[in-house]
Amino acid sequence: MTNLTTKIETLVEQICRMHKLDFNLEWLEYFPASINDVECNDRIHEAAFENSLEIIDKDHPFRFGEDFGWYSKKYKTAMFGLGSGIDSPALHHADYDFPDKIIDTGIRMFTSIIQNILK
């Protein structure tokens, strides 16, 4: 992303200089915060317990909430991450490579959540 923003800034600067224009760039990444609904969060904890998975509550919000925050403005939601290990680059990092081995964990979590809701 840094490479892309640098290219954009350089191009804007060149065009503005060519046309004798002043410019000011400001980068903004706005999306509303995703706040976990208590009931939905309880369902996540219940599914993790049923699947013998460890829950690690984060001290700070995920940075990858993006559009999910828009959903949570209208619907009850809760967000969780599967975790790809401490040696893995963060989600959305240029070097991140989704580890296929965690697909089964996601399937088990969502299966449990769905089955518990349908009880």
N, C-alpha and C. Protein backbone atom coordinates (compact mmCIF):
# COMPACT_ATOMS: atom_id res chain seq x y z
N MET A 1 0.81 -1.18 0.00
CA MET A 1 0.00 0.00 0.00
C MET A 1 0.86 1.26 0.00
N THR A 2 1.97 1.20 0.72
CA THR A 2 2.87 2.35 0.77
C THR A 2 3.39 2.67 -0.63
N ASN A 3 3.73 1.63 -1.37
CA ASN A 3 4.23 1.81 -2.74
C ASN A 3 3.17 2.49 -3.60
N LEU A 4 1.94 2.04 -3.49
CA LEU A 4 0.84 2.60 -4.27
C LEU A 4 0.58 4.06 -3.91
N THR A 5 0.54 4.38 -2.63
CA THR A 5 0.29 5.77 -2.23
C THR A 5 1.44 6.69 -2.66
N THR A 6 2.67 6.19 -2.61
CA THR A 6 3.81 6.98 -3.07
C THR A 6 3.69 7.27 -4.56
N LYS A 7 3.29 6.28 -5.35
CA LYS A 7 3.11 6.49 -6.80
C LYS A 7 2.01 7.51 -7.07
N ILE A 8 0.92 7.42 -6.34
CA ILE A 8 -0.18 8.37 -6.52
C ILE A 8 0.27 9.79 -6.17
N GLU A 9 0.95 9.93 -5.04
CA GLU A 9 1.43 11.25 -4.62
C GLU A 9 2.40 11.83 -5.65
N THR A 10 3.28 11.02 -6.18
CA THR A 10 4.24 11.48 -7.19
C THR A 10 3.51 11.93 -8.46
N LEU A 11 2.54 11.16 -8.90
CA LEU A 11 1.78 11.51 -10.10
C LEU A 11 1.00 12.81 -9.90
N VAL A 12 0.35 12.97 -8.75
CA VAL A 12 -0.39 14.20 -8.47
C VAL A 12 0.56 15.39 -8.46
N GLU A 13 1.70 15.22 -7.82
CA GLU A 13 2.69 16.30 -7.76
C GLU A 13 3.17 16.69 -9.17
N GLN A 14 3.44 15.72 -10.00
CA GLN A 14 3.90 16.00 -11.37
C GLN A 14 2.83 16.75 -12.17
N ILE A 15 1.61 16.29 -12.10
CA ILE A 15 0.52 16.92 -12.86
C ILE A 15 0.29 18.34 -12.36
N CYS A 16 0.29 18.53 -11.05
CA CYS A 16 0.07 19.86 -10.50
C CYS A 16 1.21 20.82 -10.85
N ARG A 17 2.43 20.33 -10.81
CA ARG A 17 3.57 21.16 -11.17
C ARG A 17 3.47 21.57 -12.64
N MET A 18 3.10 20.63 -13.49
CA MET A 18 2.97 20.89 -14.92
C MET A 18 1.91 21.97 -15.20
N HIS A 19 0.87 22.00 -14.42
CA HIS A 19 -0.22 22.95 -14.62
C HIS A 19 -0.18 24.12 -13.62
N LYS A 20 0.94 24.22 -12.89
CA LYS A 20 1.15 25.29 -11.92
C LYS A 20 0.01 25.37 -10.89
N LEU A 21 -0.32 24.23 -10.34
CA LEU A 21 -1.38 24.12 -9.34
C LEU A 21 -0.79 23.75 -7.99
N ASP A 22 -1.40 24.28 -6.95
CA ASP A 22 -1.06 23.85 -5.59
C ASP A 22 -1.91 22.63 -5.26
N PHE A 23 -1.42 21.79 -4.38
CA PHE A 23 -2.19 20.62 -3.97
C PHE A 23 -1.87 20.27 -2.54
N ASN A 24 -2.79 19.56 -1.95
CA ASN A 24 -2.62 19.05 -0.60
C ASN A 24 -3.30 17.69 -0.56
N LEU A 25 -2.59 16.66 -0.15
CA LEU A 25 -3.16 15.32 -0.06
C LEU A 25 -3.30 14.93 1.40
N GLU A 26 -4.41 14.29 1.68
CA GLU A 26 -4.65 13.74 3.01
C GLU A 26 -5.25 12.37 2.82
N TRP A 27 -4.66 11.36 3.45
CA TRP A 27 -5.17 9.99 3.34
C TRP A 27 -6.04 9.71 4.54
N LEU A 28 -7.22 9.16 4.27
CA LEU A 28 -8.17 8.87 5.33
C LEU A 28 -8.75 7.49 5.11
N GLU A 29 -8.71 6.67 6.14
CA GLU A 29 -9.33 5.35 6.10
C GLU A 29 -10.45 5.36 7.12
N TYR A 30 -11.65 5.73 6.70
CA TYR A 30 -12.75 5.80 7.64
C TYR A 30 -13.65 4.58 7.51
N PHE A 31 -13.93 3.99 8.61
CA PHE A 31 -14.98 2.99 8.71
C PHE A 31 -15.41 2.96 10.17
N PRO A 32 -16.72 2.78 10.39
CA PRO A 32 -17.19 2.77 11.77
C PRO A 32 -16.66 1.56 12.53
N ALA A 33 -16.52 1.74 13.82
CA ALA A 33 -16.04 0.65 14.66
C ALA A 33 -17.07 -0.48 14.71
N SER A 34 -16.56 -1.69 14.78
CA SER A 34 -17.41 -2.87 14.96
C SER A 34 -17.43 -3.18 16.45
N ILE A 35 -18.60 -3.08 17.04
CA ILE A 35 -18.74 -3.37 18.47
C ILE A 35 -19.45 -4.72 18.59
N ASN A 36 -18.81 -5.67 19.24
CA ASN A 36 -19.41 -6.99 19.39
C ASN A 36 -20.66 -6.93 20.25
N ASP A 37 -21.76 -7.44 19.72
CA ASP A 37 -22.99 -7.59 20.47
C ASP A 37 -22.77 -8.69 21.52
N VAL A 38 -23.27 -8.50 22.72
CA VAL A 38 -23.04 -9.45 23.82
C VAL A 38 -23.56 -10.84 23.46
N GLU A 39 -24.78 -10.93 22.95
CA GLU A 39 -25.36 -12.24 22.59
C GLU A 39 -24.53 -12.93 21.51
N CYS A 40 -24.15 -12.19 20.50
CA CYS A 40 -23.34 -12.77 19.41
C CYS A 40 -21.97 -13.20 19.92
N ASN A 41 -21.40 -12.38 20.78
CA ASN A 41 -20.09 -12.72 21.35
C ASN A 41 -20.19 -13.98 22.20
N ASP A 42 -21.28 -14.12 22.94
CA ASP A 42 -21.48 -15.34 23.74
C ASP A 42 -21.55 -16.57 22.83
N ARG A 43 -22.17 -16.44 21.67
CA ARG A 43 -22.26 -17.57 20.73
C ARG A 43 -20.87 -17.97 20.21
N ILE A 44 -20.03 -16.99 19.99
CA ILE A 44 -18.66 -17.27 19.57
C ILE A 44 -17.92 -18.03 20.67
N HIS A 45 -18.04 -17.55 21.89
CA HIS A 45 -17.38 -18.21 23.02
C HIS A 45 -17.89 -19.64 23.19
N GLU A 46 -19.21 -19.82 23.05
CA GLU A 46 -19.81 -21.15 23.18
C GLU A 46 -19.26 -22.10 22.11
N ALA A 47 -19.18 -21.62 20.87
CA ALA A 47 -18.67 -22.45 19.77
C ALA A 47 -17.19 -22.78 19.98
N ALA A 48 -16.42 -21.83 20.45
CA ALA A 48 -14.99 -22.09 20.70
C ALA A 48 -14.83 -23.14 21.80
N PHE A 49 -15.63 -23.03 22.85
CA PHE A 49 -15.58 -24.01 23.94
C PHE A 49 -15.94 -25.40 23.42
N GLU A 50 -17.01 -25.50 22.62
CA GLU A 50 -17.44 -26.79 22.08
C GLU A 50 -16.37 -27.43 21.20
N ASN A 51 -15.56 -26.62 20.57
CA ASN A 51 -14.52 -27.12 19.67
C ASN A 51 -13.14 -27.15 20.31
N SER A 52 -13.10 -26.95 21.63
CA SER A 52 -11.85 -26.97 22.40
C SER A 52 -10.82 -25.99 21.82
N LEU A 53 -11.29 -24.81 21.47
CA LEU A 53 -10.41 -23.78 20.93
C LEU A 53 -10.15 -22.71 21.98
N GLU A 54 -8.95 -22.20 21.97
CA GLU A 54 -8.57 -21.15 22.92
C GLU A 54 -9.12 -19.80 22.44
N ILE A 55 -9.61 -19.03 23.39
CA ILE A 55 -10.08 -17.67 23.11
C ILE A 55 -9.04 -16.70 23.67
N ILE A 56 -8.59 -15.81 22.84
CA ILE A 56 -7.67 -14.76 23.28
C ILE A 56 -8.38 -13.44 23.07
N ASP A 57 -8.81 -12.81 24.17
CA ASP A 57 -9.45 -11.50 24.07
C ASP A 57 -8.37 -10.45 23.84
N LYS A 58 -8.57 -9.65 22.82
CA LYS A 58 -7.58 -8.63 22.45
C LYS A 58 -7.73 -7.39 23.33
N ASP A 59 -6.62 -6.74 23.61
CA ASP A 59 -6.63 -5.49 24.37
C ASP A 59 -7.05 -4.31 23.49
N HIS A 60 -6.91 -4.49 22.19
CA HIS A 60 -7.20 -3.40 21.25
C HIS A 60 -8.01 -3.95 20.08
N PRO A 61 -8.73 -3.09 19.40
CA PRO A 61 -9.58 -3.55 18.29
C PRO A 61 -8.76 -4.10 17.12
N PHE A 62 -9.39 -4.97 16.35
CA PHE A 62 -8.79 -5.42 15.10
C PHE A 62 -8.71 -4.23 14.15
N ARG A 63 -7.69 -4.21 13.32
CA ARG A 63 -7.58 -3.15 12.32
C ARG A 63 -8.27 -3.56 11.02
N PHE A 64 -8.75 -4.78 10.94
CA PHE A 64 -9.31 -5.25 9.68
C PHE A 64 -10.84 -5.30 9.70
N GLY A 65 -11.47 -4.39 10.42
CA GLY A 65 -12.93 -4.38 10.50
C GLY A 65 -13.62 -3.82 9.27
N GLU A 66 -12.96 -2.91 8.58
CA GLU A 66 -13.48 -2.22 7.40
C GLU A 66 -14.99 -2.18 7.29
N ASP A 67 -15.52 -2.88 6.30
CA ASP A 67 -16.96 -2.80 6.03
C ASP A 67 -17.81 -3.47 7.10
N PHE A 68 -17.23 -4.30 7.93
CA PHE A 68 -18.00 -5.00 8.95
C PHE A 68 -18.67 -4.00 9.90
N GLY A 69 -18.01 -2.89 10.16
CA GLY A 69 -18.58 -1.86 11.02
C GLY A 69 -19.88 -1.29 10.47
N TRP A 70 -19.99 -1.25 9.15
CA TRP A 70 -21.25 -0.78 8.54
C TRP A 70 -22.37 -1.77 8.81
N TYR A 71 -22.07 -3.08 8.76
CA TYR A 71 -23.10 -4.09 9.05
C TYR A 71 -23.57 -3.97 10.50
N SER A 72 -22.61 -3.74 11.40
CA SER A 72 -22.96 -3.72 12.83
C SER A 72 -23.78 -2.49 13.21
N LYS A 73 -23.86 -1.51 12.32
CA LYS A 73 -24.74 -0.37 12.58
C LYS A 73 -26.21 -0.76 12.44
N LYS A 74 -26.47 -1.82 11.66
CA LYS A 74 -27.85 -2.22 11.38
C LYS A 74 -28.24 -3.56 12.02
N TYR A 75 -27.26 -4.46 12.17
CA TYR A 75 -27.54 -5.81 12.65
C TYR A 75 -26.67 -6.13 13.86
N LYS A 76 -27.15 -7.07 14.69
CA LYS A 76 -26.33 -7.55 15.80
C LYS A 76 -25.19 -8.37 15.20
N THR A 77 -23.98 -8.07 15.57
CA THR A 77 -22.81 -8.76 15.01
C THR A 77 -21.77 -9.00 16.09
N ALA A 78 -20.84 -9.85 15.76
CA ALA A 78 -19.63 -10.03 16.56
C ALA A 78 -18.55 -10.54 15.62
N MET A 79 -17.37 -10.08 15.81
CA MET A 79 -16.26 -10.43 14.93
C MET A 79 -15.23 -11.23 15.72
N PHE A 80 -14.70 -12.25 15.07
CA PHE A 80 -13.61 -13.01 15.68
C PHE A 80 -12.61 -13.36 14.59
N GLY A 81 -11.39 -13.58 14.99
CA GLY A 81 -10.35 -14.00 14.05
C GLY A 81 -9.94 -15.42 14.37
N LEU A 82 -9.54 -16.14 13.34
CA LEU A 82 -9.11 -17.52 13.55
C LEU A 82 -7.66 -17.59 14.03
N GLY A 83 -6.87 -16.66 13.63
CA GLY A 83 -5.47 -16.65 14.04
C GLY A 83 -4.64 -17.59 13.19
N SER A 84 -3.60 -17.06 12.61
CA SER A 84 -2.74 -17.87 11.75
C SER A 84 -1.35 -18.05 12.35
N GLY A 85 -1.22 -17.72 13.62
CA GLY A 85 0.05 -17.93 14.31
C GLY A 85 0.82 -16.64 14.51
N ILE A 86 1.69 -16.64 15.49
CA ILE A 86 2.44 -15.42 15.84
C ILE A 86 3.53 -15.09 14.83
N ASP A 87 3.94 -16.06 14.02
CA ASP A 87 4.98 -15.81 13.03
C ASP A 87 4.41 -15.41 11.67
N SER A 88 3.09 -15.33 11.56
CA SER A 88 2.45 -14.97 10.30
C SER A 88 2.30 -13.46 10.20
N PRO A 89 2.54 -12.89 9.02
CA PRO A 89 2.24 -11.46 8.86
C PRO A 89 0.76 -11.21 9.13
N ALA A 90 0.43 -10.00 9.52
CA ALA A 90 -0.95 -9.65 9.84
C ALA A 90 -1.83 -9.72 8.59
N LEU A 91 -3.11 -9.97 8.83
CA LEU A 91 -4.09 -9.96 7.76
C LEU A 91 -4.01 -8.61 7.04
N HIS A 92 -4.09 -8.62 5.74
CA HIS A 92 -4.00 -7.45 4.85
C HIS A 92 -2.57 -6.97 4.65
N HIS A 93 -1.59 -7.58 5.30
CA HIS A 93 -0.19 -7.24 5.04
C HIS A 93 0.18 -7.82 3.68
N ALA A 94 1.04 -7.16 2.95
CA ALA A 94 1.43 -7.61 1.62
C ALA A 94 2.01 -9.03 1.62
N ASP A 95 2.65 -9.43 2.71
CA ASP A 95 3.27 -10.76 2.78
C ASP A 95 2.36 -11.83 3.38
N TYR A 96 1.12 -11.47 3.74
CA TYR A 96 0.21 -12.44 4.34
C TYR A 96 -0.19 -13.50 3.31
N ASP A 97 -0.11 -14.74 3.71
CA ASP A 97 -0.52 -15.87 2.86
C ASP A 97 -1.47 -16.71 3.70
N PHE A 98 -2.75 -16.73 3.33
CA PHE A 98 -3.74 -17.44 4.14
C PHE A 98 -3.34 -18.90 4.32
N PRO A 99 -3.22 -19.36 5.56
CA PRO A 99 -2.85 -20.76 5.81
C PRO A 99 -4.09 -21.66 5.68
N ASP A 100 -4.12 -22.48 4.67
CA ASP A 100 -5.26 -23.36 4.43
C ASP A 100 -5.60 -24.25 5.62
N LYS A 101 -4.62 -24.51 6.46
CA LYS A 101 -4.85 -25.40 7.60
C LYS A 101 -5.87 -24.84 8.59
N ILE A 102 -6.18 -23.54 8.55
CA ILE A 102 -7.16 -23.00 9.49
C ILE A 102 -8.58 -22.99 8.93
N ILE A 103 -8.76 -23.44 7.69
CA ILE A 103 -10.10 -23.50 7.10
C ILE A 103 -11.01 -24.41 7.94
N ASP A 104 -10.50 -25.56 8.35
CA ASP A 104 -11.30 -26.49 9.14
C ASP A 104 -11.77 -25.84 10.45
N THR A 105 -10.90 -25.05 11.07
CA THR A 105 -11.28 -24.36 12.31
C THR A 105 -12.45 -23.42 12.06
N GLY A 106 -12.39 -22.67 10.98
CA GLY A 106 -13.48 -21.76 10.63
C GLY A 106 -14.77 -22.51 10.36
N ILE A 107 -14.67 -23.61 9.64
CA ILE A 107 -15.87 -24.42 9.36
C ILE A 107 -16.48 -24.93 10.65
N ARG A 108 -15.65 -25.44 11.55
CA ARG A 108 -16.16 -25.96 12.82
C ARG A 108 -16.81 -24.85 13.65
N MET A 109 -16.20 -23.67 13.67
CA MET A 109 -16.78 -22.56 14.43
C MET A 109 -18.14 -22.17 13.87
N PHE A 110 -18.22 -21.95 12.58
CA PHE A 110 -19.49 -21.51 11.99
C PHE A 110 -20.56 -22.61 12.06
N THR A 111 -20.15 -23.87 11.92
CA THR A 111 -21.11 -24.97 12.06
C THR A 111 -21.70 -24.97 13.46
N SER A 112 -20.86 -24.83 14.48
CA SER A 112 -21.34 -24.80 15.86
C SER A 112 -22.26 -23.60 16.10
N ILE A 113 -21.87 -22.44 15.62
CA ILE A 113 -22.69 -21.23 15.81
C ILE A 113 -24.07 -21.43 15.17
N ILE A 114 -24.09 -21.92 13.94
CA ILE A 114 -25.36 -22.13 13.24
C ILE A 114 -26.22 -23.18 13.96
N GLN A 115 -25.59 -24.29 14.34
CA GLN A 115 -26.36 -25.33 15.03
C GLN A 115 -26.92 -24.82 16.36
N ASN A 116 -26.17 -24.03 17.08
CA ASN A 116 -26.64 -23.50 18.36
C ASN A 116 -27.78 -22.49 18.17
N ILE A 117 -27.73 -21.73 17.13
CA ILE A 117 -28.82 -20.78 16.85
C ILE A 117 -30.10 -21.54 16.47
N LEU A 118 -29.94 -22.63 15.74
CA LEU A 118 -31.11 -23.39 15.27
C LEU A 118 -31.71 -24.32 16.33
N LYS A 119 -31.06 -24.44 17.47
CA LYS A 119 -31.58 -25.32 18.54
C LYS A 119 -32.91 -24.81 19.03
